[in-house]
Structure formats: structure tokens, C-alpha cells
PDB file of N, CA and C in Angstrom:
ATOM      1  N   UNK A   1      -3.164   0.043 -10.123  1.00  0.00           N
ATOM      2  CA  UNK A   1      -2.112   1.015 -10.310  1.00  0.00           C
ATOM      3  C   UNK A   1      -0.824   0.422  -9.754  1.00  0.00           C
ATOM      4  N   UNK A   2       0.268   0.713 -10.400  1.00  0.00           N
ATOM      5  CA  UNK A   2       1.544   0.291  -9.836  1.00  0.00           C
ATOM      6  C   UNK A   2       2.080   1.425  -8.965  1.00  0.00           C
ATOM      7  N   UNK A   3       2.793   1.043  -7.932  1.00  0.00           N
ATOM      8  CA  UNK A   3       3.362   2.017  -7.005  1.00  0.00           C
ATOM      9  C   UNK A   3       4.687   1.471  -6.505  1.00  0.00           C
ATOM     10  N   UNK A   4       5.512   2.371  -6.002  1.00  0.00           N
ATOM     11  CA  UNK A   4       6.797   1.981  -5.438  1.00  0.00           C
ATOM     12  C   UNK A   4       6.935   2.610  -4.060  1.00  0.00           C
ATOM     13  N   UNK A   5       7.315   1.779  -3.099  1.00  0.00           N
ATOM     14  CA  UNK A   5       7.699   2.283  -1.785  1.00  0.00           C
ATOM     15  C   UNK A   5       9.223   2.405  -1.852  1.00  0.00           C
ATOM     16  N   UNK A   6       9.750   3.615  -2.029  1.00  0.00           N
ATOM     17  CA  UNK A   6      11.187   3.772  -2.242  1.00  0.00           C
ATOM     18  C   UNK A   6      12.012   3.639  -0.969  1.00  0.00           C
ATOM     19  N   UNK A   7      11.347   3.601   0.168  1.00  0.00           N
ATOM     20  CA  UNK A   7      12.051   3.638   1.439  1.00  0.00           C
ATOM     21  C   UNK A   7      11.931   2.347   2.246  1.00  0.00           C
ATOM     22  N   UNK A   8      11.884   1.214   1.539  1.00  0.00           N
ATOM     23  CA  UNK A   8      11.915  -0.071   2.224  1.00  0.00           C
ATOM     24  C   UNK A   8      13.271  -0.265   2.885  1.00  0.00           C
ATOM     25  N   UNK A   9      13.371  -1.200   3.781  1.00  0.00           N
ATOM     26  CA  UNK A   9      14.623  -1.444   4.493  1.00  0.00           C
ATOM     27  C   UNK A   9      15.763  -1.773   3.530  1.00  0.00           C
ATOM     28  N   UNK A  10      15.444  -2.564   2.496  1.00  0.00           N
ATOM     29  CA  UNK A  10      16.468  -2.977   1.526  1.00  0.00           C
ATOM     30  C   UNK A  10      16.243  -2.375   0.151  1.00  0.00           C
ATOM     31  N   UNK A  11      15.589  -1.230   0.100  1.00  0.00           N
ATOM     32  CA  UNK A  11      15.384  -0.553  -1.175  1.00  0.00           C
ATOM     33  C   UNK A  11      13.939  -0.530  -1.614  1.00  0.00           C
ATOM     34  N   UNK A  12      13.755  -0.362  -2.903  1.00  0.00           N
ATOM     35  CA  UNK A  12      12.410  -0.234  -3.469  1.00  0.00           C
ATOM     36  C   UNK A  12      11.566  -1.480  -3.245  1.00  0.00           C
ATOM     37  N   UNK A  13      10.291  -1.234  -2.951  1.00  0.00           N
ATOM     38  CA  UNK A  13       9.294  -2.294  -2.865  1.00  0.00           C
ATOM     39  C   UNK A  13       8.249  -1.949  -3.911  1.00  0.00           C
ATOM     40  N   UNK A  14       8.091  -2.811  -4.893  1.00  0.00           N
ATOM     41  CA  UNK A  14       7.137  -2.559  -5.971  1.00  0.00           C
ATOM     42  C   UNK A  14       5.788  -3.171  -5.605  1.00  0.00           C
ATOM     43  N   UNK A  15       4.739  -2.369  -5.803  1.00  0.00           N
ATOM     44  CA  UNK A  15       3.395  -2.763  -5.393  1.00  0.00           C
ATOM     45  C   UNK A  15       2.416  -2.683  -6.553  1.00  0.00           C
ATOM     46  N   UNK A  16       1.377  -3.466  -6.447  1.00  0.00           N
ATOM     47  CA  UNK A  16       0.205  -3.342  -7.296  1.00  0.00           C
ATOM     48  C   UNK A  16      -0.932  -2.971  -6.360  1.00  0.00           C
ATOM     49  N   UNK A  17      -1.570  -1.838  -6.628  1.00  0.00           N
ATOM     50  CA  UNK A  17      -2.613  -1.305  -5.750  1.00  0.00           C
ATOM     51  C   UNK A  17      -3.913  -1.242  -6.545  1.00  0.00           C
ATOM     52  N   UNK A  18      -4.909  -2.023  -6.113  1.00  0.00           N
ATOM     53  CA  UNK A  18      -6.213  -2.020  -6.765  1.00  0.00           C
ATOM     54  C   UNK A  18      -7.147  -1.049  -6.073  1.00  0.00           C
ATOM     55  N   UNK A  19      -7.643  -0.071  -6.832  1.00  0.00           N
ATOM     56  CA  UNK A  19      -8.562   0.923  -6.283  1.00  0.00           C
ATOM     57  C   UNK A  19      -9.883   0.792  -7.033  1.00  0.00           C
ATOM     58  N   UNK A  20     -10.969   0.617  -6.294  1.00  0.00           N
ATOM     59  CA  UNK A  20     -12.292   0.496  -6.891  1.00  0.00           C
ATOM     60  C   UNK A  20     -12.877   1.881  -7.184  1.00  0.00           C
ATOM     61  N   UNK A  21     -13.924   1.911  -7.973  1.00  0.00           N
ATOM     62  CA  UNK A  21     -14.551   3.177  -8.360  1.00  0.00           C
ATOM     63  C   UNK A  21     -15.055   3.970  -7.156  1.00  0.00           C
ATOM     64  N   UNK A  22     -15.360   3.279  -6.044  1.00  0.00           N
ATOM     65  CA  UNK A  22     -15.834   3.993  -4.849  1.00  0.00           C
ATOM     66  C   UNK A  22     -14.691   4.424  -3.934  1.00  0.00           C
ATOM     67  N   UNK A  23     -13.469   4.410  -4.450  1.00  0.00           N
ATOM     68  CA  UNK A  23     -12.258   4.857  -3.748  1.00  0.00           C
ATOM     69  C   UNK A  23     -11.761   3.889  -2.674  1.00  0.00           C
ATOM     70  N   UNK A  24     -12.307   2.685  -2.612  1.00  0.00           N
ATOM     71  CA  UNK A  24     -11.802   1.705  -1.652  1.00  0.00           C
ATOM     72  C   UNK A  24     -10.771   0.810  -2.330  1.00  0.00           C
ATOM     73  N   UNK A  25      -9.908   0.255  -1.510  1.00  0.00           N
ATOM     74  CA  UNK A  25      -8.884  -0.657  -2.019  1.00  0.00           C
ATOM     75  C   UNK A  25      -9.478  -2.038  -2.233  1.00  0.00           C
ATOM     76  N   UNK A  26      -9.276  -2.574  -3.417  1.00  0.00           N
ATOM     77  CA  UNK A  26      -9.671  -3.959  -3.658  1.00  0.00           C
ATOM     78  C   UNK A  26      -8.547  -4.880  -3.222  1.00  0.00           C
ATOM     79  N   UNK A  27      -7.355  -4.334  -3.105  1.00  0.00           N
ATOM     80  CA  UNK A  27      -6.227  -5.117  -2.623  1.00  0.00           C
ATOM     81  C   UNK A  27      -4.905  -4.455  -2.914  1.00  0.00           C
ATOM     82  N   UNK A  28      -3.900  -4.905  -2.195  1.00  0.00           N
ATOM     83  CA  UNK A  28      -2.519  -4.470  -2.400  1.00  0.00           C
ATOM     84  C   UNK A  28      -1.689  -5.739  -2.465  1.00  0.00           C
ATOM     85  N   UNK A  29      -0.792  -5.808  -3.428  1.00  0.00           N
ATOM     86  CA  UNK A  29       0.108  -6.948  -3.528  1.00  0.00           C
ATOM     87  C   UNK A  29       1.528  -6.446  -3.764  1.00  0.00           C
ATOM     88  N   UNK A  30       2.453  -7.107  -3.137  1.00  0.00           N
ATOM     89  CA  UNK A  30       3.871  -6.824  -3.337  1.00  0.00           C
ATOM     90  C   UNK A  30       4.316  -7.654  -4.531  1.00  0.00           C
ATOM     91  N   UNK A  31       4.851  -6.991  -5.548  1.00  0.00           N
ATOM     92  CA  UNK A  31       5.276  -7.713  -6.749  1.00  0.00           C
ATOM     93  C   UNK A  31       6.793  -7.874  -6.830  1.00  0.00           C
ATOM     94  N   UNK A  32       7.544  -7.060  -6.103  1.00  0.00           N
ATOM     95  CA  UNK A  32       9.000  -7.211  -6.073  1.00  0.00           C
ATOM     96  C   UNK A  32       9.564  -6.506  -4.845  1.00  0.00           C
ATOM     97  N   UNK A  33      10.521  -7.161  -4.198  1.00  0.00           N
ATOM     98  CA  UNK A  33      11.179  -6.569  -3.032  1.00  0.00           C
ATOM     99  C   UNK A  33      12.487  -7.313  -2.775  1.00  0.00           C
ATOM    100  N   UNK A  34      13.315  -6.712  -1.916  1.00  0.00           N
ATOM    101  CA  UNK A  34      14.562  -7.347  -1.477  1.00  0.00           C
ATOM    102  C   UNK A  34      14.652  -7.292   0.044  1.00  0.00           C
ATOM    103  N   UNK A  35      13.511  -7.379   0.705  1.00  0.00           N
ATOM    104  CA  UNK A  35      13.494  -7.277   2.157  1.00  0.00           C
ATOM    105  C   UNK A  35      14.093  -8.536   2.795  1.00  0.00           C
ATOM    106  N   UNK A  36      14.504  -8.400   4.034  1.00  0.00           N
ATOM    107  CA  UNK A  36      15.219  -9.449   4.758  1.00  0.00           C
ATOM    108  C   UNK A  36      14.363 -10.705   4.925  1.00  0.00           C
ATOM    109  N   UNK A  37      14.865 -11.854   4.461  1.00  0.00           N
ATOM    110  CA  UNK A  37      14.138 -13.105   4.659  1.00  0.00           C
ATOM    111  C   UNK A  37      13.906 -13.372   6.151  1.00  0.00           C
ATOM    112  N   UNK A  38      12.675 -13.771   6.466  1.00  0.00           N
ATOM    113  CA  UNK A  38      12.336 -14.072   7.845  1.00  0.00           C
ATOM    114  C   UNK A  38      11.875 -12.869   8.647  1.00  0.00           C
ATOM    115  N   UNK A  39      12.038 -11.666   8.119  1.00  0.00           N
ATOM    116  CA  UNK A  39      11.578 -10.443   8.796  1.00  0.00           C
ATOM    117  C   UNK A  39      10.694  -9.645   7.849  1.00  0.00           C
ATOM    118  N   UNK A  40      11.301  -8.812   7.047  1.00  0.00           N
ATOM    119  CA  UNK A  40      10.556  -7.933   6.149  1.00  0.00           C
ATOM    120  C   UNK A  40       9.852  -8.644   5.027  1.00  0.00           C
ATOM    121  N   UNK A  41      10.253  -9.870   4.722  1.00  0.00           N
ATOM    122  CA  UNK A  41       9.596 -10.560   3.614  1.00  0.00           C
ATOM    123  C   UNK A  41       8.189 -11.046   3.961  1.00  0.00           C
ATOM    124  N   UNK A  42       7.743 -10.809   5.184  1.00  0.00           N
ATOM    125  CA  UNK A  42       6.369 -11.163   5.571  1.00  0.00           C
ATOM    126  C   UNK A  42       5.347 -10.264   4.872  1.00  0.00           C
ATOM    127  N   UNK A  43       5.812  -9.290   4.103  1.00  0.00           N
ATOM    128  CA  UNK A  43       4.908  -8.471   3.301  1.00  0.00           C
ATOM    129  C   UNK A  43       4.382  -9.255   2.105  1.00  0.00           C
ATOM    130  N   UNK A  44       5.060 -10.322   1.767  1.00  0.00           N
ATOM    131  CA  UNK A  44       4.675 -11.177   0.643  1.00  0.00           C
ATOM    132  C   UNK A  44       3.503 -12.050   1.070  1.00  0.00           C
ATOM    133  N   UNK A  45       2.440 -12.075   0.271  1.00  0.00           N
ATOM    134  CA  UNK A  45       1.243 -12.830   0.642  1.00  0.00           C
ATOM    135  C   UNK A  45       1.504 -14.328   0.783  1.00  0.00           C
ATOM    136  N   UNK A  46       2.578 -14.817   0.224  1.00  0.00           N
ATOM    137  CA  UNK A  46       2.913 -16.234   0.374  1.00  0.00           C
ATOM    138  C   UNK A  46       3.568 -16.524   1.726  1.00  0.00           C
ATOM    139  N   UNK A  47       4.003 -15.485   2.428  1.00  0.00           N
ATOM    140  CA  UNK A  47       4.652 -15.648   3.730  1.00  0.00           C
ATOM    141  C   UNK A  47       3.730 -15.300   4.900  1.00  0.00           C
ATOM    142  N   UNK A  48       2.804 -14.358   4.690  1.00  0.00           N
ATOM    143  CA  UNK A  48       1.858 -13.990   5.753  1.00  0.00           C
ATOM    144  C   UNK A  48       0.649 -13.298   5.124  1.00  0.00           C
ATOM    145  N   UNK A  49      -0.366 -13.060   5.940  1.00  0.00           N
ATOM    146  CA  UNK A  49      -1.560 -12.380   5.440  1.00  0.00           C
ATOM    147  C   UNK A  49      -1.539 -10.882   5.744  1.00  0.00           C
ATOM    148  N   UNK A  50      -0.398 -10.337   6.121  1.00  0.00           N
ATOM    149  CA  UNK A  50      -0.285  -8.935   6.506  1.00  0.00           C
ATOM    150  C   UNK A  50      -0.849  -7.995   5.439  1.00  0.00           C
ATOM    151  N   UNK A  51      -0.527  -8.235   4.199  1.00  0.00           N
ATOM    152  CA  UNK A  51      -0.916  -7.325   3.119  1.00  0.00           C
ATOM    153  C   UNK A  51      -2.433  -7.279   2.926  1.00  0.00           C
ATOM    154  N   UNK A  52      -3.148  -8.287   3.394  1.00  0.00           N
ATOM    155  CA  UNK A  52      -4.612  -8.295   3.271  1.00  0.00           C
ATOM    156  C   UNK A  52      -5.261  -7.259   4.181  1.00  0.00           C
ATOM    157  N   UNK A  53      -4.520  -6.679   5.087  1.00  0.00           N
ATOM    158  CA  UNK A  53      -5.042  -5.643   5.975  1.00  0.00           C
ATOM    159  C   UNK A  53      -5.462  -4.369   5.258  1.00  0.00           C
ATOM    160  N   UNK A  54      -5.077  -4.229   3.987  1.00  0.00           N
ATOM    161  CA  UNK A  54      -5.466  -3.060   3.198  1.00  0.00           C
ATOM    162  C   UNK A  54      -6.817  -3.245   2.503  1.00  0.00           C
ATOM    163  N   UNK A  55      -7.261  -4.482   2.382  1.00  0.00           N
ATOM    164  CA  UNK A  55      -8.498  -4.777   1.658  1.00  0.00           C
ATOM    165  C   UNK A  55      -9.673  -3.981   2.231  1.00  0.00           C
ATOM    166  N   UNK A  56     -10.388  -3.278   1.364  1.00  0.00           N
ATOM    167  CA  UNK A  56     -11.567  -2.525   1.767  1.00  0.00           C
ATOM    168  C   UNK A  56     -11.292  -1.181   2.420  1.00  0.00           C
ATOM    169  N   UNK A  57     -10.024  -0.832   2.597  1.00  0.00           N
ATOM    170  CA  UNK A  57      -9.681   0.446   3.230  1.00  0.00           C
ATOM    171  C   UNK A  57      -9.789   1.578   2.208  1.00  0.00           C
ATOM    172  N   UNK A  58      -9.882   2.798   2.725  1.00  0.00           N
ATOM    173  CA  UNK A  58      -9.934   3.997   1.889  1.00  0.00           C
ATOM    174  C   UNK A  58      -9.310   5.144   2.686  1.00  0.00           C
ATOM    175  N   UNK A  59      -9.249   6.323   2.094  1.00  0.00           N
ATOM    176  CA  UNK A  59      -8.670   7.463   2.817  1.00  0.00           C
ATOM    177  C   UNK A  59      -9.532   7.902   3.987  1.00  0.00           C
ATOM    178  N   UNK A  60     -10.786   7.454   4.034  1.00  0.00           N
ATOM    179  CA  UNK A  60     -11.648   7.759   5.167  1.00  0.00           C
ATOM    180  C   UNK A  60     -11.786   6.595   6.139  1.00  0.00           C
ATOM    181  N   UNK A  61     -11.260   5.452   5.782  1.00  0.00           N
ATOM    182  CA  UNK A  61     -11.349   4.247   6.595  1.00  0.00           C
ATOM    183  C   UNK A  61     -10.024   3.501   6.556  1.00  0.00           C
ATOM    184  N   UNK A  62      -9.113   3.755   7.443  1.00  0.00           N
ATOM    185  CA  UNK A  62      -9.189   4.652   8.589  1.00  0.00           C
ATOM    186  C   UNK A  62      -9.033   6.110   8.153  1.00  0.00           C
ATOM    187  N   UNK A  63      -9.285   7.046   9.069  1.00  0.00           N
ATOM    188  CA  UNK A  63      -9.078   8.463   8.741  1.00  0.00           C
ATOM    189  C   UNK A  63      -7.645   8.698   8.253  1.00  0.00           C
ATOM    190  N   UNK A  64      -7.478   9.671   7.404  1.00  0.00           N
ATOM    191  CA  UNK A  64      -6.179   9.968   6.792  1.00  0.00           C
ATOM    192  C   UNK A  64      -5.046  10.045   7.817  1.00  0.00           C
ATOM    193  N   UNK A  65      -5.316  10.638   8.970  1.00  0.00           N
ATOM    194  CA  UNK A  65      -4.286  10.771  10.012  1.00  0.00           C
ATOM    195  C   UNK A  65      -3.852   9.428  10.591  1.00  0.00           C
ATOM    196  N   UNK A  66      -4.638   8.387  10.382  1.00  0.00           N
ATOM    197  CA  UNK A  66      -4.312   7.058  10.919  1.00  0.00           C
ATOM    198  C   UNK A  66      -3.647   6.144   9.890  1.00  0.00           C
ATOM    199  N   UNK A  67      -3.296   6.695   8.730  1.00  0.00           N
ATOM    200  CA  UNK A  67      -2.591   5.915   7.722  1.00  0.00           C
ATOM    201  C   UNK A  67      -1.112   5.829   8.097  1.00  0.00           C
ATOM    202  N   UNK A  68      -0.847   5.018   9.095  1.00  0.00           N
ATOM    203  CA  UNK A  68       0.504   4.785   9.619  1.00  0.00           C
ATOM    204  C   UNK A  68       0.467   3.455  10.351  1.00  0.00           C
ATOM    205  N   UNK A  69       1.636   2.954  10.706  1.00  0.00           N
ATOM    206  CA  UNK A  69       1.677   1.731  11.511  1.00  0.00           C
ATOM    207  C   UNK A  69       1.350   2.077  12.962  1.00  0.00           C
ATOM    208  N   UNK A  70       0.916   1.087  13.706  1.00  0.00           N
ATOM    209  CA  UNK A  70       0.500   1.318  15.101  1.00  0.00           C
ATOM    210  C   UNK A  70       1.611   1.942  15.946  1.00  0.00           C
ATOM    211  N   UNK A  71       2.837   1.546  15.690  1.00  0.00           N
ATOM    212  CA  UNK A  71       3.969   2.099  16.448  1.00  0.00           C
ATOM    213  C   UNK A  71       4.046   3.617  16.308  1.00  0.00           C
ATOM    214  N   UNK A  72       3.539   4.131  15.182  1.00  0.00           N
ATOM    215  CA  UNK A  72       3.530   5.569  14.923  1.00  0.00           C
ATOM    216  C   UNK A  72       2.167   6.192  15.212  1.00  0.00           C
ATOM    217  N   UNK A  73       1.301   5.476  15.928  1.00  0.00           N
ATOM    218  CA  UNK A  73      -0.016   5.990  16.274  1.00  0.00           C
ATOM    219  C   UNK A  73      -1.073   5.736  15.221  1.00  0.00           C
ATOM    220  N   UNK A  74      -0.765   4.875  14.254  1.00  0.00           N
ATOM    221  CA  UNK A  74      -1.693   4.620  13.156  1.00  0.00           C
ATOM    222  C   UNK A  74      -2.533   3.373  13.328  1.00  0.00           C
ATOM    223  N   UNK A  75      -3.192   3.002  12.272  1.00  0.00           N
ATOM    224  CA  UNK A  75      -4.136   1.899  12.250  1.00  0.00           C
ATOM    225  C   UNK A  75      -3.507   0.554  11.898  1.00  0.00           C
ATOM    226  N   UNK A  76      -2.447   0.551  11.107  1.00  0.00           N
ATOM    227  CA  UNK A  76      -1.935  -0.674  10.499  1.00  0.00           C
ATOM    228  C   UNK A  76      -0.883  -1.372  11.365  1.00  0.00           C
ATOM    229  N   UNK A  77      -0.962  -2.701  11.370  1.00  0.00           N
ATOM    230  CA  UNK A  77       0.018  -3.500  12.103  1.00  0.00           C
ATOM    231  C   UNK A  77       1.400  -3.340  11.483  1.00  0.00           C
ATOM    232  N   UNK A  78       2.414  -3.392  12.328  1.00  0.00           N
ATOM    233  CA  UNK A  78       3.778  -3.497  11.824  1.00  0.00           C
ATOM    234  C   UNK A  78       4.186  -4.959  11.947  1.00  0.00           C
ATOM    235  N   UNK A  79       5.320  -5.291  11.423  1.00  0.00           N
ATOM    236  CA  UNK A  79       5.836  -6.654  11.535  1.00  0.00           C
ATOM    237  C   UNK A  79       6.864  -6.680  12.655  1.00  0.00           C
ATOM    238  N   UNK A  80       6.818  -7.696  13.481  1.00  0.00           N
ATOM    239  CA  UNK A  80       7.765  -7.798  14.586  1.00  0.00           C
ATOM    240  C   UNK A  80       9.189  -7.773  14.046  1.00  0.00           C
ATOM    241  N   UNK A  81       9.971  -6.816  14.525  1.00  0.00           N
ATOM    242  CA  UNK A  81      11.365  -6.702  14.120  1.00  0.00           C
ATOM    243  C   UNK A  81      11.584  -6.043  12.771  1.00  0.00           C
ATOM    244  N   UNK A  82      10.509  -5.613  12.120  1.00  0.00           N
ATOM    245  CA  UNK A  82      10.660  -5.051  10.774  1.00  0.00           C
ATOM    246  C   UNK A  82       9.680  -3.910  10.544  1.00  0.00           C
ATOM    247  N   UNK A  83       9.752  -2.882  11.342  1.00  0.00           N
ATOM    248  CA  UNK A  83       8.804  -1.761  11.234  1.00  0.00           C
ATOM    249  C   UNK A  83       9.046  -0.914   9.986  1.00  0.00           C
ATOM    250  N   UNK A  84      10.271  -0.800   9.538  1.00  0.00           N
ATOM    251  CA  UNK A  84      10.593   0.050   8.387  1.00  0.00           C
ATOM    252  C   UNK A  84       9.838  -0.403   7.141  1.00  0.00           C
ATOM    253  N   UNK A  85       9.782  -1.690   6.917  1.00  0.00           N
ATOM    254  CA  UNK A  85       9.154  -2.234   5.717  1.00  0.00           C
ATOM    255  C   UNK A  85       7.654  -1.925   5.668  1.00  0.00           C
ATOM    256  N   UNK A  86       6.863  -2.279   6.692  1.00  0.00           N
ATOM    257  CA  UNK A  86       5.438  -1.946   6.612  1.00  0.00           C
ATOM    258  C   UNK A  86       5.179  -0.440   6.638  1.00  0.00           C
ATOM    259  N   UNK A  87       6.007   0.303   7.316  1.00  0.00           N
ATOM    260  CA  UNK A  87       5.874   1.761   7.337  1.00  0.00           C
ATOM    261  C   UNK A  87       5.988   2.300   5.906  1.00  0.00           C
ATOM    262  N   UNK A  88       6.946   1.795   5.157  1.00  0.00           N
ATOM    263  CA  UNK A  88       7.150   2.229   3.773  1.00  0.00           C
ATOM    264  C   UNK A  88       5.955   1.867   2.901  1.00  0.00           C
ATOM    265  N   UNK A  89       5.399   0.688   3.090  1.00  0.00           N
ATOM    266  CA  UNK A  89       4.262   0.254   2.273  1.00  0.00           C
ATOM    267  C   UNK A  89       3.020   1.068   2.611  1.00  0.00           C
ATOM    268  N   UNK A  90       2.748   1.287   3.880  1.00  0.00           N
ATOM    269  CA  UNK A  90       1.578   2.083   4.270  1.00  0.00           C
ATOM    270  C   UNK A  90       1.682   3.475   3.658  1.00  0.00           C
ATOM    271  N   UNK A  91       2.852   4.082   3.716  1.00  0.00           N
ATOM    272  CA  UNK A  91       3.027   5.419   3.117  1.00  0.00           C
ATOM    273  C   UNK A  91       2.801   5.381   1.607  1.00  0.00           C
ATOM    274  N   UNK A  92       3.316   4.345   0.946  1.00  0.00           N
ATOM    275  CA  UNK A  92       3.166   4.247  -0.510  1.00  0.00           C
ATOM    276  C   UNK A  92       1.708   4.045  -0.905  1.00  0.00           C
ATOM    277  N   UNK A  93       0.979   3.227  -0.167  1.00  0.00           N
ATOM    278  CA  UNK A  93      -0.434   3.005  -0.481  1.00  0.00           C
ATOM    279  C   UNK A  93      -1.224   4.289  -0.233  1.00  0.00           C
ATOM    280  N   UNK A  94      -0.918   4.971   0.842  1.00  0.00           N
ATOM    281  CA  UNK A  94      -1.575   6.264   1.138  1.00  0.00           C
ATOM    282  C   UNK A  94      -1.319   7.265   0.018  1.00  0.00           C
ATOM    283  N   UNK A  95      -0.059   7.372  -0.429  1.00  0.00           N
ATOM    284  CA  UNK A  95       0.273   8.277  -1.535  1.00  0.00           C
ATOM    285  C   UNK A  95      -0.481   7.891  -2.813  1.00  0.00           C
ATOM    286  N   UNK A  96      -0.613   6.593  -3.050  1.00  0.00           N
ATOM    287  CA  UNK A  96      -1.327   6.121  -4.236  1.00  0.00           C
ATOM    288  C   UNK A  96      -2.793   6.523  -4.169  1.00  0.00           C
ATOM    289  N   UNK A  97      -3.423   6.364  -3.010  1.00  0.00           N
ATOM    290  CA  UNK A  97      -4.816   6.770  -2.857  1.00  0.00           C
ATOM    291  C   UNK A  97      -4.985   8.283  -3.015  1.00  0.00           C
ATOM    292  N   UNK A  98      -4.042   9.054  -2.500  1.00  0.00           N
ATOM    293  CA  UNK A  98      -4.099  10.507  -2.667  1.00  0.00           C
ATOM    294  C   UNK A  98      -3.948  10.891  -4.140  1.00  0.00           C
ATOM    295  N   UNK A  99      -3.042  10.209  -4.840  1.00  0.00           N
ATOM    296  CA  UNK A  99      -2.860  10.449  -6.275  1.00  0.00           C
ATOM    297  C   UNK A  99      -4.136  10.096  -7.029  1.00  0.00           C
ATOM    298  N   UNK A 100      -4.719   8.952  -6.694  1.00  0.00           N
ATOM    299  CA  UNK A 100      -5.954   8.526  -7.331  1.00  0.00           C
ATOM    300  C   UNK A 100      -7.055   9.573  -7.111  1.00  0.00           C
ATOM    301  N   UNK A 101      -7.177  10.029  -5.894  1.00  0.00           N
ATOM    302  CA  UNK A 101      -8.208  11.031  -5.575  1.00  0.00           C
ATOM    303  C   UNK A 101      -7.998  12.307  -6.404  1.00  0.00           C
ATOM    304  N   UNK A 102      -6.777  12.767  -6.495  1.00  0.00           N
ATOM    305  CA  UNK A 102      -6.480  14.013  -7.197  1.00  0.00           C
ATOM    306  C   UNK A 102      -6.567  13.879  -8.714  1.00  0.00           C
ATOM    307  N   UNK A 103      -6.404  12.662  -9.239  1.00  0.00           N
ATOM    308  CA  UNK A 103      -6.323  12.463 -10.687  1.00  0.00           C
ATOM    309  C   UNK A 103      -7.372  11.509 -11.241  1.00  0.00           C
ATOM    310  N   UNK A 104      -8.386  11.237 -10.462  1.00  0.00           N
ATOM    311  CA  UNK A 104      -9.382  10.233 -10.812  1.00  0.00           C
ATOM    312  C   UNK A 104      -9.988  10.469 -12.201  1.00  0.00           C
ATOM    313  N   UNK A 105     -10.457  11.678 -12.455  1.00  0.00           N
ATOM    314  CA  UNK A 105     -11.101  11.958 -13.751  1.00  0.00           C
ATOM    315  C   UNK A 105     -10.133  11.732 -14.901  1.00  0.00           C
ATOM    316  N   UNK A 106      -8.921  12.181 -14.766  1.00  0.00           N
ATOM    317  CA  UNK A 106      -7.926  12.000 -15.836  1.00  0.00           C
ATOM    318  C   UNK A 106      -7.587  10.521 -16.017  1.00  0.00           C
ATOM    319  N   UNK A 107      -7.508   9.769 -14.954  1.00  0.00           N
ATOM    320  CA  UNK A 107      -7.221   8.330 -15.066  1.00  0.00           C
ATOM    321  C   UNK A 107      -8.320   7.601 -15.820  1.00  0.00           C
ATOM    322  N   UNK A 108      -9.576   7.917 -15.504  1.00  0.00           N
ATOM    323  CA  UNK A 108     -10.671   7.271 -16.207  1.00  0.00           C
ATOM    324  C   UNK A 108     -10.776   7.751 -17.649  1.00  0.00           C
ATOM    325  N   UNK A 109     -10.480   9.017 -17.901  1.00  0.00           N
ATOM    326  CA  UNK A 109     -10.505   9.532 -19.262  1.00  0.00           C
ATOM    327  C   UNK A 109      -9.442   8.861 -20.116  1.00  0.00           C
ATOM    328  N   UNK A 110      -8.263   8.677 -19.551  1.00  0.00           N
ATOM    329  CA  UNK A 110      -7.177   7.992 -20.264  1.00  0.00           C
ATOM    330  C   UNK A 110      -7.580   6.566 -20.591  1.00  0.00           C
ATOM    331  N   UNK A 111      -8.175   5.875 -19.628  1.00  0.00           N
ATOM    332  CA  UNK A 111      -8.611   4.488 -19.853  1.00  0.00           C
ATOM    333  C   UNK A 111      -9.678   4.427 -20.945  1.00  0.00           C
ATOM    334  N   UNK A 112     -10.606   5.369 -20.937  1.00  0.00           N
ATOM    335  CA  UNK A 112     -11.674   5.381 -21.937  1.00  0.00           C
ATOM    336  C   UNK A 112     -11.123   5.670 -23.336  1.00  0.00           C
ATOM    337  N   UNK A 113     -10.103   6.505 -23.410  1.00  0.00           N
ATOM    338  CA  UNK A 113      -9.525   6.848 -24.714  1.00  0.00           C
ATOM    339  C   UNK A 113      -8.689   5.727 -25.303  1.00  0.00           C
ATOM    340  N   UNK A 114      -8.261   4.778 -24.501  1.00  0.00           N
ATOM    341  CA  UNK A 114      -7.443   3.682 -25.020  1.00  0.00           C
ATOM    342  C   UNK A 114      -8.274   2.502 -25.481  1.00  0.00           C
ATOM    343  N   UNK A 115      -9.575   2.536 -25.217  1.00  0.00           N
ATOM    344  CA  UNK A 115     -10.434   1.400 -25.607  1.00  0.00           C
ATOM    345  C   UNK A 115     -10.847   1.476 -27.035  1.00  0.00           C
TER     346      UNK A 115
END
């Protein structure tokens, strides 16, 4: 699924969010951003492994209340000097999982009808 974190430090952060049939994340990748080089751009898998922290996660792992960066009492690491950027991505991935949960049947029905 594609998603957008509209509240990145330098604007929209476009994401690709892979959700497996068992509601776990197969991965999250940043496909476009304008975050600050040397700080917020560590969200890019070519700059750091930060984004791999979503692999295998779900709305129950960690619990929904922990879908935040550690600075905000959550489970996910923030980036040194760039908390706004990871905060925006964690929120966007959480929203995507909530959307998936609420619309799962319709998403699969749409996919089946296009084949």
C-alpha cells in the first residue's frame, strides 16, 4: 500500500507499506522525501537500517499505544537530532495498519475483481 506522512520536517514523506495477510508488516520503504541531508534522510534504507525496525510489526506488536517513538513513550527509535521525521513515519505506518484493518475485506475484494 502507498502511504504519505504529511507531517515530515520538510513536507510529505511518501512510503510503501507491505502488509501480509496475517496483518504483520513485511516492510516499510521510503520512496520519496525532502528531509534534511545528514539528519532526517537516515529514514532512507541506503543511509541507515532504521526503516527495517518495522519489519514483522503489527498493531498488536507493539501494542497500539506504543506506536510512537521512544521520546514519546513508544516502541520505535527516533533519529538523533531528527525526531519529527521518524515520528511522522511511525504515525503514517500506524494509520496505514488501522486503514488496512478496517478495510481488509474490501481491499482483497478489489484485488480479486481486477484479476
